[in-house]
Amino acid sequence: MARFGISLLEGKTLEKPLHNTKAVPREGAYFNMLQQTYWLALHVWLVHSKQHMIQENEGLFGSAICALITRRVFEWSWLIVRLWLKQEDVPAMSIGTELEHFMEYVFGFCAALDEAFLQEAPEGSAKAVRVQDNELKEGQVGLVPCVKEVLWTNVFFGACARDHQHLEELAVYLIRQRIALEALPRTAFLTGRMTWADFPLKGQ
């Protein structure tokens, strides 16, 4: 997360007094938590996108397993976000409302990623990153620029330059993970034998 300039929630505990009436979220907590939620959502979306690729060619049983994977991963992510809200001293009566807000943001983010890869990489991400500008089809802008725009709008809230190093590296990171998952065999994914793609540090 530090590599991409993404805020890390730390320094607070889930252990709260029974009547914690004076606690309020610290300054900047909403921004930091939303950014970390997008980081979590990015990986949830990657798992979901792989599940969707497999499900298209599955029978009834395999399709049900795929749907279960996505449902459980999203349920887990919302549980994590709910705990983060509690950790950041959001009043208990407001947690449900704030969670709904975060869900709206995340689903919008996931929909934008779906659209980006559907439009720019219909034949696979590995092929899309090799496409030259003069080979782009009508309506396409290129996978990397399109993914960068989605990340700039959501994860970075449009607050950094479009050529910022953190943004460029996060776009590369996301596409590398997507390429690795697209190449992952069906059985390896369904049995949980998957790993994230490596991401070399600067100078390597």
C-alpha atoms as a PDB file:
ATOM      1  CA  MET A   1       0.000   0.000   0.000  1.00  0.00           C
ATOM      2  CA  ALA A   2       2.845   2.387   0.797  1.00  0.00           C
ATOM      3  CA  ARG A   3       4.280   1.662  -2.647  1.00  0.00           C
ATOM      4  CA  PHE A   4       1.165   3.214  -4.209  1.00  0.00           C
ATOM      5  CA  GLY A   5       0.632   6.008  -1.694  1.00  0.00           C
ATOM      6  CA  ILE A   6      -2.472   4.381  -0.211  1.00  0.00           C
ATOM      7  CA  SER A   7      -3.357   5.253   3.367  1.00  0.00           C
ATOM      8  CA  LEU A   8      -3.063   2.524   5.988  1.00  0.00           C
ATOM      9  CA  LEU A   9      -5.459   2.444   8.901  1.00  0.00           C
ATOM     10  CA  GLU A  10      -3.534   1.879  12.091  1.00  0.00           C
ATOM     11  CA  GLY A  11      -3.196   3.056  15.654  1.00  0.00           C
ATOM     12  CA  LYS A  12      -6.724   2.318  16.850  1.00  0.00           C
ATOM     13  CA  THR A  13      -8.302  -0.675  18.494  1.00  0.00           C
ATOM     14  CA  LEU A  14     -11.647  -2.424  18.180  1.00  0.00           C
ATOM     15  CA  GLU A  15     -11.903  -2.563  21.972  1.00  0.00           C
ATOM     16  CA  LYS A  16     -14.260   0.297  22.856  1.00  0.00           C
ATOM     17  CA  PRO A  17     -15.833   1.352  26.159  1.00  0.00           C
ATOM     18  CA  LEU A  18     -19.438   0.284  26.632  1.00  0.00           C
ATOM     19  CA  HIS A  19     -20.652   3.898  26.434  1.00  0.00           C
ATOM     20  CA  ASN A  20     -18.191   5.510  24.043  1.00  0.00           C
ATOM     21  CA  THR A  21     -20.147   8.755  23.558  1.00  0.00           C
ATOM     22  CA  LYS A  22     -17.188  11.129  23.122  1.00  0.00           C
ATOM     23  CA  ALA A  23     -15.390   9.174  20.430  1.00  0.00           C
ATOM     24  CA  VAL A  24     -15.510  10.621  16.930  1.00  0.00           C
ATOM     25  CA  PRO A  25     -13.618   9.734  13.757  1.00  0.00           C
ATOM     26  CA  ARG A  26     -10.199  11.388  13.623  1.00  0.00           C
ATOM     27  CA  GLU A  27      -9.478  14.034  11.016  1.00  0.00           C
ATOM     28  CA  GLY A  28      -9.031  12.578   7.542  1.00  0.00           C
ATOM     29  CA  ALA A  29     -10.305   9.168   8.643  1.00  0.00           C
ATOM     30  CA  TYR A  30     -13.099   9.043   6.046  1.00  0.00           C
ATOM     31  CA  PHE A  31     -10.713   9.764   3.177  1.00  0.00           C
ATOM     32  CA  ASN A  32      -8.109   7.271   4.420  1.00  0.00           C
ATOM     33  CA  MET A  33     -10.635   4.544   5.048  1.00  0.00           C
ATOM     34  CA  LEU A  34     -12.317   4.995   1.679  1.00  0.00           C
ATOM     35  CA  GLN A  35      -8.942   4.750  -0.043  1.00  0.00           C
ATOM     36  CA  GLN A  36      -8.078   1.569   1.852  1.00  0.00           C
ATOM     37  CA  THR A  37     -11.534   0.201   1.024  1.00  0.00           C
ATOM     38  CA  TYR A  38     -10.822   0.768  -2.675  1.00  0.00           C
ATOM     39  CA  TRP A  39      -7.540  -1.147  -2.231  1.00  0.00           C
ATOM     40  CA  LEU A  40      -9.467  -4.054  -0.730  1.00  0.00           C
ATOM     41  CA  ALA A  41     -12.155  -3.777  -3.415  1.00  0.00           C
ATOM     42  CA  LEU A  42      -9.552  -3.907  -6.165  1.00  0.00           C
ATOM     43  CA  HIS A  43      -8.510  -7.396  -5.047  1.00  0.00           C
ATOM     44  CA  VAL A  44     -12.088  -8.526  -4.449  1.00  0.00           C
ATOM     45  CA  TRP A  45     -12.903  -7.406  -7.984  1.00  0.00           C
ATOM     46  CA  LEU A  46      -9.944  -9.382  -9.361  1.00  0.00           C
ATOM     47  CA  VAL A  47     -11.248 -12.565  -7.713  1.00  0.00           C
ATOM     48  CA  HIS A  48     -14.772 -11.794  -8.931  1.00  0.00           C
ATOM     49  CA  SER A  49     -13.571 -11.165 -12.494  1.00  0.00           C
ATOM     50  CA  LYS A  50     -11.782 -14.533 -12.596  1.00  0.00           C
ATOM     51  CA  GLN A  51     -14.860 -16.244 -11.215  1.00  0.00           C
ATOM     52  CA  HIS A  52     -16.956 -14.589 -13.929  1.00  0.00           C
ATOM     53  CA  MET A  53     -14.576 -15.781 -16.676  1.00  0.00           C
ATOM     54  CA  ILE A  54     -14.857 -19.372 -15.443  1.00  0.00           C
ATOM     55  CA  GLN A  55     -18.606 -19.242 -14.837  1.00  0.00           C
ATOM     56  CA  GLU A  56     -19.346 -18.420 -18.480  1.00  0.00           C
ATOM     57  CA  ASN A  57     -18.338 -21.955 -19.496  1.00  0.00           C
ATOM     58  CA  GLU A  58     -19.569 -23.884 -16.466  1.00  0.00           C
ATOM     59  CA  GLY A  59     -22.532 -26.165 -16.029  1.00  0.00           C
ATOM     60  CA  LEU A  60     -25.103 -25.758 -13.280  1.00  0.00           C
ATOM     61  CA  PHE A  61     -22.925 -27.084 -10.431  1.00  0.00           C
ATOM     62  CA  GLY A  62     -19.781 -25.218 -11.464  1.00  0.00           C
ATOM     63  CA  SER A  63     -21.775 -22.030 -11.959  1.00  0.00           C
ATOM     64  CA  ALA A  64     -23.223 -22.354  -8.459  1.00  0.00           C
ATOM     65  CA  ILE A  65     -19.726 -22.765  -6.987  1.00  0.00           C
ATOM     66  CA  CYS A  66     -18.537 -19.662  -8.850  1.00  0.00           C
ATOM     67  CA  ALA A  67     -21.491 -17.617  -7.611  1.00  0.00           C
ATOM     68  CA  LEU A  68     -20.818 -18.800  -4.059  1.00  0.00           C
ATOM     69  CA  ILE A  69     -17.181 -17.688  -4.280  1.00  0.00           C
ATOM     70  CA  THR A  70     -18.123 -14.162  -5.292  1.00  0.00           C
ATOM     71  CA  ARG A  71     -20.880 -13.892  -2.684  1.00  0.00           C
ATOM     72  CA  ARG A  72     -18.607 -15.076   0.129  1.00  0.00           C
ATOM     73  CA  VAL A  73     -15.715 -12.798  -0.898  1.00  0.00           C
ATOM     74  CA  PHE A  74     -17.952  -9.729  -1.023  1.00  0.00           C
ATOM     75  CA  GLU A  75     -19.597 -10.665   2.298  1.00  0.00           C
ATOM     76  CA  TRP A  76     -16.144 -10.966   3.853  1.00  0.00           C
ATOM     77  CA  SER A  77     -15.111  -7.580   2.472  1.00  0.00           C
ATOM     78  CA  TRP A  78     -18.191  -5.856   3.920  1.00  0.00           C
ATOM     79  CA  LEU A  79     -17.467  -7.430   7.298  1.00  0.00           C
ATOM     80  CA  ILE A  80     -13.939  -6.010   7.149  1.00  0.00           C
ATOM     81  CA  VAL A  81     -15.230  -2.545   6.209  1.00  0.00           C
ATOM     82  CA  ARG A  82     -17.770  -2.659   9.040  1.00  0.00           C
ATOM     83  CA  LEU A  83     -14.939  -3.422  11.493  1.00  0.00           C
ATOM     84  CA  TRP A  84     -12.886  -0.542  10.063  1.00  0.00           C
ATOM     85  CA  LEU A  85     -15.826   1.801  10.622  1.00  0.00           C
ATOM     86  CA  LYS A  86     -16.030   0.670  14.224  1.00  0.00           C
ATOM     87  CA  GLN A  87     -12.268   1.008  14.630  1.00  0.00           C
ATOM     88  CA  GLU A  88     -12.438   4.601  13.357  1.00  0.00           C
ATOM     89  CA  ASP A  89     -15.008   5.499  16.030  1.00  0.00           C
ATOM     90  CA  VAL A  90     -17.977   5.928  13.709  1.00  0.00           C
ATOM     91  CA  PRO A  91     -21.007   5.997  16.043  1.00  0.00           C
ATOM     92  CA  ALA A  92     -22.762   2.619  16.166  1.00  0.00           C
ATOM     93  CA  MET A  93     -26.053   4.133  14.950  1.00  0.00           C
ATOM     94  CA  SER A  94     -24.293   5.465  11.818  1.00  0.00           C
ATOM     95  CA  ILE A  95     -22.299   2.372  10.827  1.00  0.00           C
ATOM     96  CA  GLY A  96     -25.089   0.857   8.708  1.00  0.00           C
ATOM     97  CA  THR A  97     -25.605   4.096   6.769  1.00  0.00           C
ATOM     98  CA  GLU A  98     -21.894   4.639   6.213  1.00  0.00           C
ATOM     99  CA  LEU A  99     -21.481   1.023   5.099  1.00  0.00           C
ATOM    100  CA  GLU A 100     -24.167   1.571   2.458  1.00  0.00           C
ATOM    101  CA  HIS A 101     -22.256   4.619   1.207  1.00  0.00           C
ATOM    102  CA  PHE A 102     -19.070   2.598   0.934  1.00  0.00           C
ATOM    103  CA  MET A 103     -20.927  -0.161  -0.905  1.00  0.00           C
ATOM    104  CA  GLU A 104     -22.164   2.359  -3.461  1.00  0.00           C
ATOM    105  CA  TYR A 105     -18.637   3.648  -4.027  1.00  0.00           C
ATOM    106  CA  VAL A 106     -17.205   0.143  -4.358  1.00  0.00           C
ATOM    107  CA  PHE A 107     -19.870  -1.123  -6.753  1.00  0.00           C
ATOM    108  CA  GLY A 108     -19.343   1.963  -8.915  1.00  0.00           C
ATOM    109  CA  PHE A 109     -15.599   1.260  -8.900  1.00  0.00           C
ATOM    110  CA  CYS A 110     -16.117  -2.397  -9.835  1.00  0.00           C
ATOM    111  CA  ALA A 111     -18.538  -1.475 -12.620  1.00  0.00           C
ATOM    112  CA  ALA A 112     -15.990   0.994 -14.035  1.00  0.00           C
ATOM    113  CA  LEU A 113     -13.279  -1.693 -13.988  1.00  0.00           C
ATOM    114  CA  ASP A 114     -15.627  -4.162 -15.700  1.00  0.00           C
ATOM    115  CA  GLU A 115     -16.334  -1.633 -18.436  1.00  0.00           C
ATOM    116  CA  ALA A 116     -12.643  -0.752 -18.885  1.00  0.00           C
ATOM    117  CA  PHE A 117     -11.532  -4.348 -19.439  1.00  0.00           C
ATOM    118  CA  LEU A 118     -14.583  -5.238 -21.525  1.00  0.00           C
ATOM    119  CA  GLN A 119     -13.960  -2.286 -23.831  1.00  0.00           C
ATOM    120  CA  GLU A 120     -10.168  -2.346 -24.003  1.00  0.00           C
ATOM    121  CA  ALA A 121      -9.290  -6.024 -23.536  1.00  0.00           C
ATOM    122  CA  PRO A 122     -12.009  -8.159 -25.154  1.00  0.00           C
ATOM    123  CA  GLU A 123      -9.384 -10.705 -26.255  1.00  0.00           C
ATOM    124  CA  GLY A 124      -7.415 -10.719 -23.007  1.00  0.00           C
ATOM    125  CA  SER A 125      -5.296  -8.277 -21.054  1.00  0.00           C
ATOM    126  CA  ALA A 126      -1.952  -9.708 -22.176  1.00  0.00           C
ATOM    127  CA  LYS A 127      -2.860  -8.980 -25.787  1.00  0.00           C
ATOM    128  CA  ALA A 128      -4.378  -5.591 -24.969  1.00  0.00           C
ATOM    129  CA  VAL A 129      -1.189  -4.189 -23.415  1.00  0.00           C
ATOM    130  CA  ARG A 130       0.709  -4.943 -26.633  1.00  0.00           C
ATOM    131  CA  VAL A 131      -1.731  -3.088 -28.889  1.00  0.00           C
ATOM    132  CA  GLN A 132      -0.232  -0.015 -30.572  1.00  0.00           C
ATOM    133  CA  ASP A 133      -2.163   3.233 -30.889  1.00  0.00           C
ATOM    134  CA  ASN A 134      -2.723   2.702 -34.616  1.00  0.00           C
ATOM    135  CA  GLU A 135      -4.233  -0.737 -33.876  1.00  0.00           C
ATOM    136  CA  LEU A 136      -6.942   0.538 -31.518  1.00  0.00           C
ATOM    137  CA  LYS A 137     -10.518  -0.035 -32.611  1.00  0.00           C
ATOM    138  CA  GLU A 138     -13.117   2.704 -32.749  1.00  0.00           C
ATOM    139  CA  GLY A 139     -13.978   3.897 -29.249  1.00  0.00           C
ATOM    140  CA  GLN A 140     -10.859   2.428 -27.638  1.00  0.00           C
ATOM    141  CA  VAL A 141      -8.175   4.491 -25.904  1.00  0.00           C
ATOM    142  CA  GLY A 142      -5.890   1.677 -24.753  1.00  0.00           C
ATOM    143  CA  LEU A 143      -6.048  -0.530 -21.674  1.00  0.00           C
ATOM    144  CA  VAL A 144      -3.440   1.275 -19.579  1.00  0.00           C
ATOM    145  CA  PRO A 145      -4.871   4.801 -20.069  1.00  0.00           C
ATOM    146  CA  CYS A 146      -8.398   3.516 -19.430  1.00  0.00           C
ATOM    147  CA  VAL A 147      -7.426   1.689 -16.223  1.00  0.00           C
ATOM    148  CA  LYS A 148      -5.439   4.707 -15.050  1.00  0.00           C
ATOM    149  CA  GLU A 149      -8.506   6.904 -15.492  1.00  0.00           C
ATOM    150  CA  VAL A 150     -10.652   4.553 -13.398  1.00  0.00           C
ATOM    151  CA  LEU A 151      -8.035   4.460 -10.638  1.00  0.00           C
ATOM    152  CA  TRP A 152      -7.463   8.224 -10.792  1.00  0.00           C
ATOM    153  CA  THR A 153     -11.185   8.904 -10.445  1.00  0.00           C
ATOM    154  CA  ASN A 154     -11.826   6.412  -7.645  1.00  0.00           C
ATOM    155  CA  VAL A 155      -8.758   5.418  -5.627  1.00  0.00           C
ATOM    156  CA  PHE A 156      -7.062   8.819  -5.888  1.00  0.00           C
ATOM    157  CA  PHE A 157     -10.281  10.921  -6.049  1.00  0.00           C
ATOM    158  CA  GLY A 158      -8.820  12.952  -8.926  1.00  0.00           C
ATOM    159  CA  ALA A 159      -6.495  14.633  -6.426  1.00  0.00           C
ATOM    160  CA  CYS A 160      -3.159  13.750  -8.041  1.00  0.00           C
ATOM    161  CA  ALA A 161      -1.645  14.427 -11.449  1.00  0.00           C
ATOM    162  CA  ARG A 162      -2.622  11.928 -14.134  1.00  0.00           C
ATOM    163  CA  ASP A 163       1.055  11.062 -14.622  1.00  0.00           C
ATOM    164  CA  HIS A 164       1.764  10.625 -10.903  1.00  0.00           C
ATOM    165  CA  GLN A 165       4.063   7.688 -10.179  1.00  0.00           C
ATOM    166  CA  HIS A 166       1.700   6.141  -7.625  1.00  0.00           C
ATOM    167  CA  LEU A 167      -1.125   6.125 -10.161  1.00  0.00           C
ATOM    168  CA  GLU A 168       1.007   4.714 -12.960  1.00  0.00           C
ATOM    169  CA  GLU A 169       2.407   1.947 -10.771  1.00  0.00           C
ATOM    170  CA  LEU A 170      -1.009   0.984  -9.387  1.00  0.00           C
ATOM    171  CA  ALA A 171      -2.339   0.681 -12.945  1.00  0.00           C
ATOM    172  CA  VAL A 172       0.567  -1.614 -13.838  1.00  0.00           C
ATOM    173  CA  TYR A 173       0.020  -3.623 -10.637  1.00  0.00           C
ATOM    174  CA  LEU A 174      -3.685  -4.133 -11.386  1.00  0.00           C
ATOM    175  CA  ILE A 175      -3.091  -5.184 -14.981  1.00  0.00           C
ATOM    176  CA  ARG A 176      -0.320  -7.610 -13.940  1.00  0.00           C
ATOM    177  CA  GLN A 177      -2.693  -9.264 -11.466  1.00  0.00           C
ATOM    178  CA  ARG A 178      -5.440  -9.458 -14.077  1.00  0.00           C
ATOM    179  CA  ILE A 179      -3.103 -11.050 -16.639  1.00  0.00           C
ATOM    180  CA  ALA A 180      -1.948 -13.618 -14.065  1.00  0.00           C
ATOM    181  CA  LEU A 181      -5.515 -14.518 -13.110  1.00  0.00           C
ATOM    182  CA  GLU A 182      -6.611 -14.806 -16.736  1.00  0.00           C
ATOM    183  CA  ALA A 183      -3.839 -17.379 -17.231  1.00  0.00           C
ATOM    184  CA  LEU A 184      -4.646 -19.264 -14.017  1.00  0.00           C
ATOM    185  CA  PRO A 185      -6.118 -22.731 -14.655  1.00  0.00           C
ATOM    186  CA  ARG A 186      -9.716 -23.272 -13.616  1.00  0.00           C
ATOM    187  CA  THR A 187      -8.904 -26.020 -11.116  1.00  0.00           C
ATOM    188  CA  ALA A 188      -6.208 -23.963  -9.410  1.00  0.00           C
ATOM    189  CA  PHE A 189      -8.647 -21.106  -8.878  1.00  0.00           C
ATOM    190  CA  LEU A 190     -11.569 -23.224  -7.662  1.00  0.00           C
ATOM    191  CA  THR A 191      -9.344 -25.105  -5.196  1.00  0.00           C
ATOM    192  CA  GLY A 192      -7.746 -21.937  -3.860  1.00  0.00           C
ATOM    193  CA  ARG A 193      -4.287 -22.718  -5.228  1.00  0.00           C
ATOM    194  CA  MET A 194      -3.631 -19.233  -6.564  1.00  0.00           C
ATOM    195  CA  THR A 195      -1.051 -16.572  -5.828  1.00  0.00           C
ATOM    196  CA  TRP A 196      -0.843 -12.908  -6.719  1.00  0.00           C
ATOM    197  CA  ALA A 197       1.555 -11.894  -9.479  1.00  0.00           C
ATOM    198  CA  ASP A 198       4.942 -10.615  -8.370  1.00  0.00           C
ATOM    199  CA  PHE A 199       5.561  -6.890  -8.527  1.00  0.00           C
ATOM    200  CA  PRO A 200       9.287  -6.031  -8.598  1.00  0.00           C
ATOM    201  CA  LEU A 201      10.511  -3.139  -6.496  1.00  0.00           C
ATOM    202  CA  LYS A 202      12.173  -0.144  -8.083  1.00  0.00           C
ATOM    203  CA  GLY A 203      15.469  -0.994  -9.710  1.00  0.00           C
ATOM    204  CA  GLN A 204      14.719  -4.721  -9.976  1.00  0.00           C
END
